[in-house]
PDB file of all heavy atoms in Angstrom:
ATOM      1  N   ARG A   1      -4.337  -7.056  -5.848  1.00  0.00           N
ATOM      2  CA  ARG A   1      -4.850  -6.547  -7.109  1.00  0.00           C
ATOM      3  C   ARG A   1      -5.270  -5.095  -6.902  1.00  0.00           C
ATOM      4  O   ARG A   1      -5.994  -4.774  -5.959  1.00  0.00           O
ATOM      5  CB  ARG A   1      -6.054  -7.389  -7.535  1.00  0.00           C
ATOM      6  CG  ARG A   1      -6.626  -7.004  -8.871  1.00  0.00           C
ATOM      7  CD  ARG A   1      -7.765  -7.901  -9.247  1.00  0.00           C
ATOM      8  NE  ARG A   1      -8.838  -7.703  -8.277  1.00  0.00           N
ATOM      9  CZ  ARG A   1      -9.798  -8.566  -8.029  1.00  0.00           C
ATOM     10  NH1 ARG A   1      -9.835  -9.708  -8.637  1.00  0.00           N
ATOM     11  NH2 ARG A   1     -10.734  -8.311  -7.152  1.00  0.00           N
ATOM     12  N   MET A   2      -4.788  -4.222  -7.773  1.00  0.00           N
ATOM     13  CA  MET A   2      -5.170  -2.817  -7.686  1.00  0.00           C
ATOM     14  C   MET A   2      -6.646  -2.694  -8.039  1.00  0.00           C
ATOM     15  O   MET A   2      -7.088  -3.259  -9.020  1.00  0.00           O
ATOM     16  CB  MET A   2      -4.355  -1.983  -8.665  1.00  0.00           C
ATOM     17  CG  MET A   2      -2.919  -1.816  -8.283  1.00  0.00           C
ATOM     18  SD  MET A   2      -2.112  -0.646  -9.361  1.00  0.00           S
ATOM     19  CE  MET A   2      -0.994  -1.719 -10.223  1.00  0.00           C
ATOM     20  N   SER A   3      -7.369  -1.954  -7.237  1.00  0.00           N
ATOM     21  CA  SER A   3      -8.765  -1.676  -7.559  1.00  0.00           C
ATOM     22  C   SER A   3      -8.875  -0.256  -8.092  1.00  0.00           C
ATOM     23  O   SER A   3      -9.258  -0.041  -9.218  1.00  0.00           O
ATOM     24  CB  SER A   3      -9.643  -1.873  -6.325  1.00  0.00           C
ATOM     25  OG  SER A   3      -9.665  -3.228  -5.967  1.00  0.00           O
ATOM     26  N   THR A   4      -8.519   0.721  -7.283  1.00  0.00           N
ATOM     27  CA  THR A   4      -8.573   2.121  -7.721  1.00  0.00           C
ATOM     28  C   THR A   4      -7.283   2.823  -7.316  1.00  0.00           C
ATOM     29  O   THR A   4      -7.314   3.830  -6.637  1.00  0.00           O
ATOM     30  CB  THR A   4      -9.781   2.852  -7.088  1.00  0.00           C
ATOM     31  OG1 THR A   4      -9.638   2.796  -5.664  1.00  0.00           O
ATOM     32  CG2 THR A   4     -11.097   2.257  -7.515  1.00  0.00           C
ATOM     33  N   LEU A   5      -6.168   2.292  -7.746  1.00  0.00           N
ATOM     34  CA  LEU A   5      -4.875   2.856  -7.373  1.00  0.00           C
ATOM     35  C   LEU A   5      -4.377   3.753  -8.506  1.00  0.00           C
ATOM     36  O   LEU A   5      -4.148   3.300  -9.619  1.00  0.00           O
ATOM     37  CB  LEU A   5      -3.885   1.722  -7.118  1.00  0.00           C
ATOM     38  CG  LEU A   5      -2.697   2.011  -6.229  1.00  0.00           C
ATOM     39  CD1 LEU A   5      -3.136   2.392  -4.828  1.00  0.00           C
ATOM     40  CD2 LEU A   5      -1.796   0.794  -6.149  1.00  0.00           C
ATOM     41  N   ASP A   6      -4.234   5.038  -8.223  1.00  0.00           N
ATOM     42  CA  ASP A   6      -3.754   6.023  -9.189  1.00  0.00           C
ATOM     43  C   ASP A   6      -2.235   6.135  -9.013  1.00  0.00           C
ATOM     44  O   ASP A   6      -1.750   6.802  -8.103  1.00  0.00           O
ATOM     45  CB  ASP A   6      -4.452   7.360  -8.925  1.00  0.00           C
ATOM     46  CG  ASP A   6      -3.964   8.488  -9.817  1.00  0.00           C
ATOM     47  OD1 ASP A   6      -2.986   8.303 -10.564  1.00  0.00           O
ATOM     48  OD2 ASP A   6      -4.568   9.574  -9.747  1.00  0.00           O
ATOM     49  N   ALA A   7      -1.488   5.477  -9.906  1.00  0.00           N
ATOM     50  CA  ALA A   7      -0.030   5.406  -9.773  1.00  0.00           C
ATOM     51  C   ALA A   7       0.624   6.790  -9.818  1.00  0.00           C
ATOM     52  O   ALA A   7       1.611   7.033  -9.122  1.00  0.00           O
ATOM     53  CB  ALA A   7       0.553   4.505 -10.857  1.00  0.00           C
ATOM     54  N   LYS A   8       0.064   7.714 -10.602  1.00  0.00           N
ATOM     55  CA  LYS A   8       0.635   9.064 -10.694  1.00  0.00           C
ATOM     56  C   LYS A   8       0.555   9.768  -9.331  1.00  0.00           C
ATOM     57  O   LYS A   8       1.526  10.360  -8.870  1.00  0.00           O
ATOM     58  CB  LYS A   8      -0.098   9.871 -11.759  1.00  0.00           C
ATOM     59  CG  LYS A   8       0.481  11.242 -11.973  1.00  0.00           C
ATOM     60  CD  LYS A   8      -0.259  11.994 -13.073  1.00  0.00           C
ATOM     61  CE  LYS A   8       0.288  13.403 -13.196  1.00  0.00           C
ATOM     62  NZ  LYS A   8      -0.475  14.186 -14.166  1.00  0.00           N
ATOM     63  N   ALA A   9      -0.606   9.697  -8.693  1.00  0.00           N
ATOM     64  CA  ALA A   9      -0.775  10.314  -7.366  1.00  0.00           C
ATOM     65  C   ALA A   9       0.112   9.632  -6.331  1.00  0.00           C
ATOM     66  O   ALA A   9       0.687  10.295  -5.460  1.00  0.00           O
ATOM     67  CB  ALA A   9      -2.239  10.247  -6.931  1.00  0.00           C
ATOM     68  N   ILE A  10       0.255   8.308  -6.434  1.00  0.00           N
ATOM     69  CA  ILE A  10       1.102   7.556  -5.498  1.00  0.00           C
ATOM     70  C   ILE A  10       2.541   8.065  -5.573  1.00  0.00           C
ATOM     71  O   ILE A  10       3.224   8.188  -4.562  1.00  0.00           O
ATOM     72  CB  ILE A  10       1.037   6.032  -5.790  1.00  0.00           C
ATOM     73  CG1 ILE A  10      -0.359   5.480  -5.517  1.00  0.00           C
ATOM     74  CG2 ILE A  10       2.109   5.264  -5.023  1.00  0.00           C
ATOM     75  CD1 ILE A  10      -0.817   5.505  -4.089  1.00  0.00           C
ATOM     76  N   ARG A  11       3.008   8.365  -6.789  1.00  0.00           N
ATOM     77  CA  ARG A  11       4.388   8.852  -6.959  1.00  0.00           C
ATOM     78  C   ARG A  11       4.583  10.283  -6.459  1.00  0.00           C
ATOM     79  O   ARG A  11       5.689  10.675  -6.137  1.00  0.00           O
ATOM     80  CB  ARG A  11       4.806   8.758  -8.433  1.00  0.00           C
ATOM     81  CG  ARG A  11       5.064   7.343  -8.907  1.00  0.00           C
ATOM     82  CD  ARG A  11       5.707   7.322 -10.281  1.00  0.00           C
ATOM     83  NE  ARG A  11       4.838   7.841 -11.325  1.00  0.00           N
ATOM     84  CZ  ARG A  11       3.947   7.108 -12.000  1.00  0.00           C
ATOM     85  NH1 ARG A  11       3.809   5.821 -11.717  1.00  0.00           N
ATOM     86  NH2 ARG A  11       3.207   7.656 -12.934  1.00  0.00           N
ATOM     87  N   GLN A  12       3.511  11.048  -6.379  1.00  0.00           N
ATOM     88  CA  GLN A  12       3.624  12.468  -6.037  1.00  0.00           C
ATOM     89  C   GLN A  12       3.490  12.792  -4.552  1.00  0.00           C
ATOM     90  O   GLN A  12       4.096  13.751  -4.080  1.00  0.00           O
ATOM     91  CB  GLN A  12       2.542  13.270  -6.777  1.00  0.00           C
ATOM     92  CG  GLN A  12       2.784  13.379  -8.253  1.00  0.00           C
ATOM     93  CD  GLN A  12       1.675  14.168  -8.919  1.00  0.00           C
ATOM     94  OE1 GLN A  12       0.507  13.973  -8.634  1.00  0.00           O
ATOM     95  NE2 GLN A  12       2.065  15.070  -9.813  1.00  0.00           N
ATOM     96  N   PHE A  13       2.677  12.015  -3.817  1.00  0.00           N
ATOM     97  CA  PHE A  13       2.325  12.407  -2.458  1.00  0.00           C
ATOM     98  C   PHE A  13       2.522  11.265  -1.467  1.00  0.00           C
ATOM     99  O   PHE A  13       2.476  10.097  -1.844  1.00  0.00           O
ATOM    100  CB  PHE A  13       0.856  12.861  -2.399  1.00  0.00           C
ATOM    101  CG  PHE A  13       0.507  13.877  -3.438  1.00  0.00           C
ATOM    102  CD1 PHE A  13      -0.325  13.546  -4.492  1.00  0.00           C
ATOM    103  CD2 PHE A  13       1.023  15.163  -3.376  1.00  0.00           C
ATOM    104  CE1 PHE A  13      -0.654  14.481  -5.469  1.00  0.00           C
ATOM    105  CE2 PHE A  13       0.700  16.112  -4.341  1.00  0.00           C
ATOM    106  CZ  PHE A  13      -0.138  15.766  -5.385  1.00  0.00           C
ATOM    107  N   PRO A  14       2.714  11.572  -0.173  1.00  0.00           N
ATOM    108  CA  PRO A  14       2.852  10.523   0.844  1.00  0.00           C
ATOM    109  C   PRO A  14       1.649   9.572   0.841  1.00  0.00           C
ATOM    110  O   PRO A  14       0.530   9.981   0.520  1.00  0.00           O
ATOM    111  CB  PRO A  14       2.917  11.304   2.159  1.00  0.00           C
ATOM    112  CG  PRO A  14       3.359  12.674   1.776  1.00  0.00           C
ATOM    113  CD  PRO A  14       2.797  12.920   0.414  1.00  0.00           C
ATOM    114  N   VAL A  15       1.912   8.332   1.212  1.00  0.00           N
ATOM    115  CA  VAL A  15       0.888   7.283   1.206  1.00  0.00           C
ATOM    116  C   VAL A  15       0.670   6.765   2.621  1.00  0.00           C
ATOM    117  O   VAL A  15       1.631   6.512   3.352  1.00  0.00           O
ATOM    118  CB  VAL A  15       1.310   6.102   0.294  1.00  0.00           C
ATOM    119  CG1 VAL A  15       0.314   4.955   0.378  1.00  0.00           C
ATOM    120  CG2 VAL A  15       1.484   6.570  -1.144  1.00  0.00           C
ATOM    121  N   LEU A  16      -0.593   6.586   2.966  1.00  0.00           N
ATOM    122  CA  LEU A  16      -0.970   5.949   4.223  1.00  0.00           C
ATOM    123  C   LEU A  16      -1.789   4.711   3.881  1.00  0.00           C
ATOM    124  O   LEU A  16      -2.883   4.824   3.321  1.00  0.00           O
ATOM    125  CB  LEU A  16      -1.782   6.909   5.095  1.00  0.00           C
ATOM    126  CG  LEU A  16      -2.192   6.381   6.467  1.00  0.00           C
ATOM    127  CD1 LEU A  16      -0.967   6.149   7.354  1.00  0.00           C
ATOM    128  CD2 LEU A  16      -3.157   7.351   7.139  1.00  0.00           C
ATOM    129  N   ILE A  17      -1.240   3.528   4.163  1.00  0.00           N
ATOM    130  CA  ILE A  17      -1.962   2.274   3.941  1.00  0.00           C
ATOM    131  C   ILE A  17      -2.888   2.052   5.127  1.00  0.00           C
ATOM    132  O   ILE A  17      -2.459   2.143   6.281  1.00  0.00           O
ATOM    133  CB  ILE A  17      -0.991   1.077   3.810  1.00  0.00           C
ATOM    134  CG1 ILE A  17      -0.037   1.269   2.633  1.00  0.00           C
ATOM    135  CG2 ILE A  17      -1.774  -0.232   3.665  1.00  0.00           C
ATOM    136  CD1 ILE A  17       1.101   0.256   2.602  1.00  0.00           C
ATOM    137  N   MET A  18      -4.154   1.727   4.861  1.00  0.00           N
ATOM    138  CA  MET A  18      -5.152   1.504   5.900  1.00  0.00           C
ATOM    139  C   MET A  18      -5.532   0.023   5.909  1.00  0.00           C
ATOM    140  O   MET A  18      -5.910  -0.514   4.875  1.00  0.00           O
ATOM    141  CB  MET A  18      -6.419   2.309   5.594  1.00  0.00           C
ATOM    142  CG  MET A  18      -6.185   3.788   5.377  1.00  0.00           C
ATOM    143  SD  MET A  18      -5.922   4.641   6.888  1.00  0.00           S
ATOM    144  CE  MET A  18      -7.429   4.273   7.727  1.00  0.00           C
ATOM    145  N   ASP A  19      -5.447  -0.600   7.081  1.00  0.00           N
ATOM    146  CA  ASP A  19      -5.883  -1.998   7.183  1.00  0.00           C
ATOM    147  C   ASP A  19      -6.646  -2.193   8.481  1.00  0.00           C
ATOM    148  O   ASP A  19      -6.461  -1.435   9.435  1.00  0.00           O
ATOM    149  CB  ASP A  19      -4.686  -2.948   7.104  1.00  0.00           C
ATOM    150  CG  ASP A  19      -5.057  -4.323   6.561  1.00  0.00           C
ATOM    151  OD1 ASP A  19      -6.261  -4.596   6.365  1.00  0.00           O
ATOM    152  OD2 ASP A  19      -4.147  -5.139   6.344  1.00  0.00           O
ATOM    153  N   ASP A  20      -7.503  -3.215   8.500  1.00  0.00           N
ATOM    154  CA  ASP A  20      -8.326  -3.456   9.683  1.00  0.00           C
ATOM    155  C   ASP A  20      -7.520  -4.046  10.831  1.00  0.00           C
ATOM    156  O   ASP A  20      -7.648  -3.605  11.960  1.00  0.00           O
ATOM    157  CB  ASP A  20      -9.540  -4.329   9.359  1.00  0.00           C
ATOM    158  CG  ASP A  20      -9.174  -5.630   8.637  1.00  0.00           C
ATOM    159  OD1 ASP A  20      -8.002  -5.817   8.260  1.00  0.00           O
ATOM    160  OD2 ASP A  20     -10.083  -6.451   8.424  1.00  0.00           O
ATOM    161  N   LEU A  21      -6.677  -5.033  10.532  1.00  0.00           N
ATOM    162  CA  LEU A  21      -5.883  -5.616  11.599  1.00  0.00           C
ATOM    163  C   LEU A  21      -4.574  -6.186  11.098  1.00  0.00           C
ATOM    164  O   LEU A  21      -4.423  -6.474   9.922  1.00  0.00           O
ATOM    165  CB  LEU A  21      -6.662  -6.702  12.337  1.00  0.00           C
ATOM    166  CG  LEU A  21      -6.663  -8.100  11.733  1.00  0.00           C
ATOM    167  CD1 LEU A  21      -6.422  -9.109  12.822  1.00  0.00           C
ATOM    168  CD2 LEU A  21      -7.984  -8.400  11.064  1.00  0.00           C
ATOM    169  N   VAL A  22      -3.650  -6.317  12.034  1.00  0.00           N
ATOM    170  CA  VAL A  22      -2.384  -6.992  11.756  1.00  0.00           C
ATOM    171  C   VAL A  22      -2.410  -8.289  12.538  1.00  0.00           C
ATOM    172  O   VAL A  22      -2.630  -8.295  13.749  1.00  0.00           O
ATOM    173  CB  VAL A  22      -1.170  -6.149  12.218  1.00  0.00           C
ATOM    174  CG1 VAL A  22       0.105  -6.948  12.113  1.00  0.00           C
ATOM    175  CG2 VAL A  22      -1.061  -4.905  11.397  1.00  0.00           C
ATOM    176  N   ASP A  23      -2.216  -9.369  11.822  1.00  0.00           N
ATOM    177  CA  ASP A  23      -2.121 -10.671  12.463  1.00  0.00           C
ATOM    178  C   ASP A  23      -0.676 -11.139  12.330  1.00  0.00           C
ATOM    179  O   ASP A  23       0.110 -11.041  13.258  1.00  0.00           O
ATOM    180  CB  ASP A  23      -3.097 -11.646  11.804  1.00  0.00           C
ATOM    181  CG  ASP A  23      -3.330 -12.887  12.638  1.00  0.00           C
ATOM    182  OD1 ASP A  23      -2.360 -13.399  13.221  1.00  0.00           O
ATOM    183  OD2 ASP A  23      -4.470 -13.356  12.708  1.00  0.00           O
ATOM    184  N   SER A  24      -0.288 -11.560  11.138  1.00  0.00           N
ATOM    185  CA  SER A  24       1.100 -11.983  10.911  1.00  0.00           C
ATOM    186  C   SER A  24       1.982 -10.840  10.433  1.00  0.00           C
ATOM    187  O   SER A  24       3.194 -10.895  10.549  1.00  0.00           O
ATOM    188  CB  SER A  24       1.131 -13.108   9.871  1.00  0.00           C
ATOM    189  OG  SER A  24       0.744 -12.593   8.608  1.00  0.00           O
ATOM    190  N   GLY A  25       1.386  -9.801   9.845  1.00  0.00           N
ATOM    191  CA  GLY A  25       2.147  -8.679   9.304  1.00  0.00           C
ATOM    192  C   GLY A  25       2.500  -8.832   7.834  1.00  0.00           C
ATOM    193  O   GLY A  25       3.053  -7.920   7.227  1.00  0.00           O
ATOM    194  N   LEU A  26       2.163  -9.978   7.215  1.00  0.00           N
ATOM    195  CA  LEU A  26       2.529 -10.231   5.822  1.00  0.00           C
ATOM    196  C   LEU A  26       1.848  -9.271   4.845  1.00  0.00           C
ATOM    197  O   LEU A  26       2.458  -8.830   3.878  1.00  0.00           O
ATOM    198  CB  LEU A  26       2.194 -11.675   5.426  1.00  0.00           C
ATOM    199  CG  LEU A  26       3.089 -12.752   6.020  1.00  0.00           C
ATOM    200  CD1 LEU A  26       2.553 -14.133   5.688  1.00  0.00           C
ATOM    201  CD2 LEU A  26       4.506 -12.606   5.512  1.00  0.00           C
ATOM    202  N   THR A  27       0.601  -8.945   5.087  1.00  0.00           N
ATOM    203  CA  THR A  27      -0.115  -8.044   4.181  1.00  0.00           C
ATOM    204  C   THR A  27       0.556  -6.679   4.138  1.00  0.00           C
ATOM    205  O   THR A  27       0.846  -6.152   3.056  1.00  0.00           O
ATOM    206  CB  THR A  27      -1.591  -7.901   4.609  1.00  0.00           C
ATOM    207  OG1 THR A  27      -2.217  -9.188   4.552  1.00  0.00           O
ATOM    208  CG2 THR A  27      -2.339  -6.933   3.704  1.00  0.00           C
ATOM    209  N   LEU A  28       0.828  -6.102   5.300  1.00  0.00           N
ATOM    210  CA  LEU A  28       1.454  -4.775   5.335  1.00  0.00           C
ATOM    211  C   LEU A  28       2.850  -4.785   4.724  1.00  0.00           C
ATOM    212  O   LEU A  28       3.226  -3.856   4.011  1.00  0.00           O
ATOM    213  CB  LEU A  28       1.520  -4.244   6.762  1.00  0.00           C
ATOM    214  CG  LEU A  28       0.204  -3.771   7.359  1.00  0.00           C
ATOM    215  CD1 LEU A  28       0.408  -3.295   8.784  1.00  0.00           C
ATOM    216  CD2 LEU A  28      -0.432  -2.688   6.517  1.00  0.00           C
ATOM    217  N   GLN A  29       3.615  -5.836   4.997  1.00  0.00           N
ATOM    218  CA  GLN A  29       4.964  -5.931   4.422  1.00  0.00           C
ATOM    219  C   GLN A  29       4.891  -5.959   2.900  1.00  0.00           C
ATOM    220  O   GLN A  29       5.648  -5.263   2.212  1.00  0.00           O
ATOM    221  CB  GLN A  29       5.677  -7.178   4.938  1.00  0.00           C
ATOM    222  CG  GLN A  29       6.091  -7.082   6.381  1.00  0.00           C
ATOM    223  CD  GLN A  29       6.609  -8.414   6.918  1.00  0.00           C
ATOM    224  OE1 GLN A  29       6.694  -9.403   6.204  1.00  0.00           O
ATOM    225  NE2 GLN A  29       6.946  -8.434   8.197  1.00  0.00           N
ATOM    226  N   THR A  30       3.981  -6.772   2.369  1.00  0.00           N
ATOM    227  CA  THR A  30       3.826  -6.903   0.922  1.00  0.00           C
ATOM    228  C   THR A  30       3.398  -5.587   0.291  1.00  0.00           C
ATOM    229  O   THR A  30       3.984  -5.139  -0.697  1.00  0.00           O
ATOM    230  CB  THR A  30       2.799  -8.009   0.593  1.00  0.00           C
ATOM    231  OG1 THR A  30       3.251  -9.243   1.143  1.00  0.00           O
ATOM    232  CG2 THR A  30       2.611  -8.163  -0.912  1.00  0.00           C
ATOM    233  N   LEU A  31       2.377  -4.957   0.862  1.00  0.00           N
ATOM    234  CA  LEU A  31       1.866  -3.716   0.290  1.00  0.00           C
ATOM    235  C   LEU A  31       2.883  -2.586   0.353  1.00  0.00           C
ATOM    236  O   LEU A  31       3.030  -1.818  -0.601  1.00  0.00           O
ATOM    237  CB  LEU A  31       0.583  -3.290   0.989  1.00  0.00           C
ATOM    238  CG  LEU A  31      -0.649  -4.099   0.625  1.00  0.00           C
ATOM    239  CD1 LEU A  31      -1.856  -3.570   1.370  1.00  0.00           C
ATOM    240  CD2 LEU A  31      -0.898  -4.074  -0.870  1.00  0.00           C
ATOM    241  N   ARG A  32       3.543  -2.464   1.473  1.00  0.00           N
ATOM    242  CA  ARG A  32       4.543  -1.406   1.611  1.00  0.00           C
ATOM    243  C   ARG A  32       5.615  -1.526   0.518  1.00  0.00           C
ATOM    244  O   ARG A  32       5.959  -0.559  -0.151  1.00  0.00           O
ATOM    245  CB  ARG A  32       5.179  -1.480   3.001  1.00  0.00           C
ATOM    246  CG  ARG A  32       6.239  -0.439   3.236  1.00  0.00           C
ATOM    247  CD  ARG A  32       6.788  -0.513   4.663  1.00  0.00           C
ATOM    248  NE  ARG A  32       8.006   0.219   4.797  1.00  0.00           N
ATOM    249  CZ  ARG A  32       8.096   1.535   4.820  1.00  0.00           C
ATOM    250  NH1 ARG A  32       7.016   2.262   4.745  1.00  0.00           N
ATOM    251  NH2 ARG A  32       9.266   2.131   4.939  1.00  0.00           N
ATOM    252  N   LYS A  33       6.096  -2.740   0.323  1.00  0.00           N
ATOM    253  CA  LYS A  33       7.116  -2.996  -0.692  1.00  0.00           C
ATOM    254  C   LYS A  33       6.593  -2.650  -2.086  1.00  0.00           C
ATOM    255  O   LYS A  33       7.269  -1.978  -2.871  1.00  0.00           O
ATOM    256  CB  LYS A  33       7.530  -4.467  -0.628  1.00  0.00           C
ATOM    257  CG  LYS A  33       8.580  -4.864  -1.623  1.00  0.00           C
ATOM    258  CD  LYS A  33       8.910  -6.331  -1.481  1.00  0.00           C
ATOM    259  CE  LYS A  33       9.758  -6.797  -2.640  1.00  0.00           C
ATOM    260  NZ  LYS A  33       9.848  -8.244  -2.722  1.00  0.00           N
ATOM    261  N   GLU A  34       5.370  -3.084  -2.400  1.00  0.00           N
ATOM    262  CA  GLU A  34       4.802  -2.844  -3.727  1.00  0.00           C
ATOM    263  C   GLU A  34       4.563  -1.355  -3.983  1.00  0.00           C
ATOM    264  O   GLU A  34       4.816  -0.855  -5.072  1.00  0.00           O
ATOM    265  CB  GLU A  34       3.491  -3.623  -3.909  1.00  0.00           C
ATOM    266  CG  GLU A  34       3.661  -5.123  -3.915  1.00  0.00           C
ATOM    267  CD  GLU A  34       4.441  -5.645  -5.106  1.00  0.00           C
ATOM    268  OE1 GLU A  34       4.510  -4.959  -6.145  1.00  0.00           O
ATOM    269  OE2 GLU A  34       5.004  -6.753  -5.005  1.00  0.00           O
ATOM    270  N   ILE A  35       4.087  -0.629  -2.979  1.00  0.00           N
ATOM    271  CA  ILE A  35       3.804   0.799  -3.152  1.00  0.00           C
ATOM    272  C   ILE A  35       5.103   1.596  -3.251  1.00  0.00           C
ATOM    273  O   ILE A  35       5.196   2.536  -4.035  1.00  0.00           O
ATOM    274  CB  ILE A  35       2.855   1.294  -2.044  1.00  0.00           C
ATOM    275  CG1 ILE A  35       1.467   0.681  -2.287  1.00  0.00           C
ATOM    276  CG2 ILE A  35       2.778   2.807  -2.023  1.00  0.00           C
ATOM    277  CD1 ILE A  35       0.463   0.910  -1.205  1.00  0.00           C
ATOM    278  N   LEU A  36       6.109   1.201  -2.496  1.00  0.00           N
ATOM    279  CA  LEU A  36       7.423   1.842  -2.658  1.00  0.00           C
ATOM    280  C   LEU A  36       7.981   1.587  -4.056  1.00  0.00           C
ATOM    281  O   LEU A  36       8.578   2.466  -4.667  1.00  0.00           O
ATOM    282  CB  LEU A  36       8.401   1.365  -1.584  1.00  0.00           C
ATOM    283  CG  LEU A  36       8.195   1.976  -0.196  1.00  0.00           C
ATOM    284  CD1 LEU A  36       9.030   1.242   0.846  1.00  0.00           C
ATOM    285  CD2 LEU A  36       8.518   3.469  -0.193  1.00  0.00           C
ATOM    286  N   ASN A  37       7.749   0.375  -4.577  1.00  0.00           N
ATOM    287  CA  ASN A  37       8.201   0.043  -5.943  1.00  0.00           C
ATOM    288  C   ASN A  37       7.506   0.898  -6.997  1.00  0.00           C
ATOM    289  O   ASN A  37       8.046   1.113  -8.080  1.00  0.00           O
ATOM    290  CB  ASN A  37       7.979  -1.441  -6.256  1.00  0.00           C
ATOM    291  CG  ASN A  37       8.990  -2.329  -5.555  1.00  0.00           C
ATOM    292  OD1 ASN A  37      10.039  -1.877  -5.114  1.00  0.00           O
ATOM    293  ND2 ASN A  37       8.664  -3.609  -5.437  1.00  0.00           N
TER     294      ASN A  37
END
């Protein structure tokens, strides 16, 4: 769920996703796909 995601800024500039840990990798895979979309 987007909390404070500015879609206009996302489309204009590089994105760095920040997460505390990778366990299975599912969270990062999902987010990367959604942000690229």
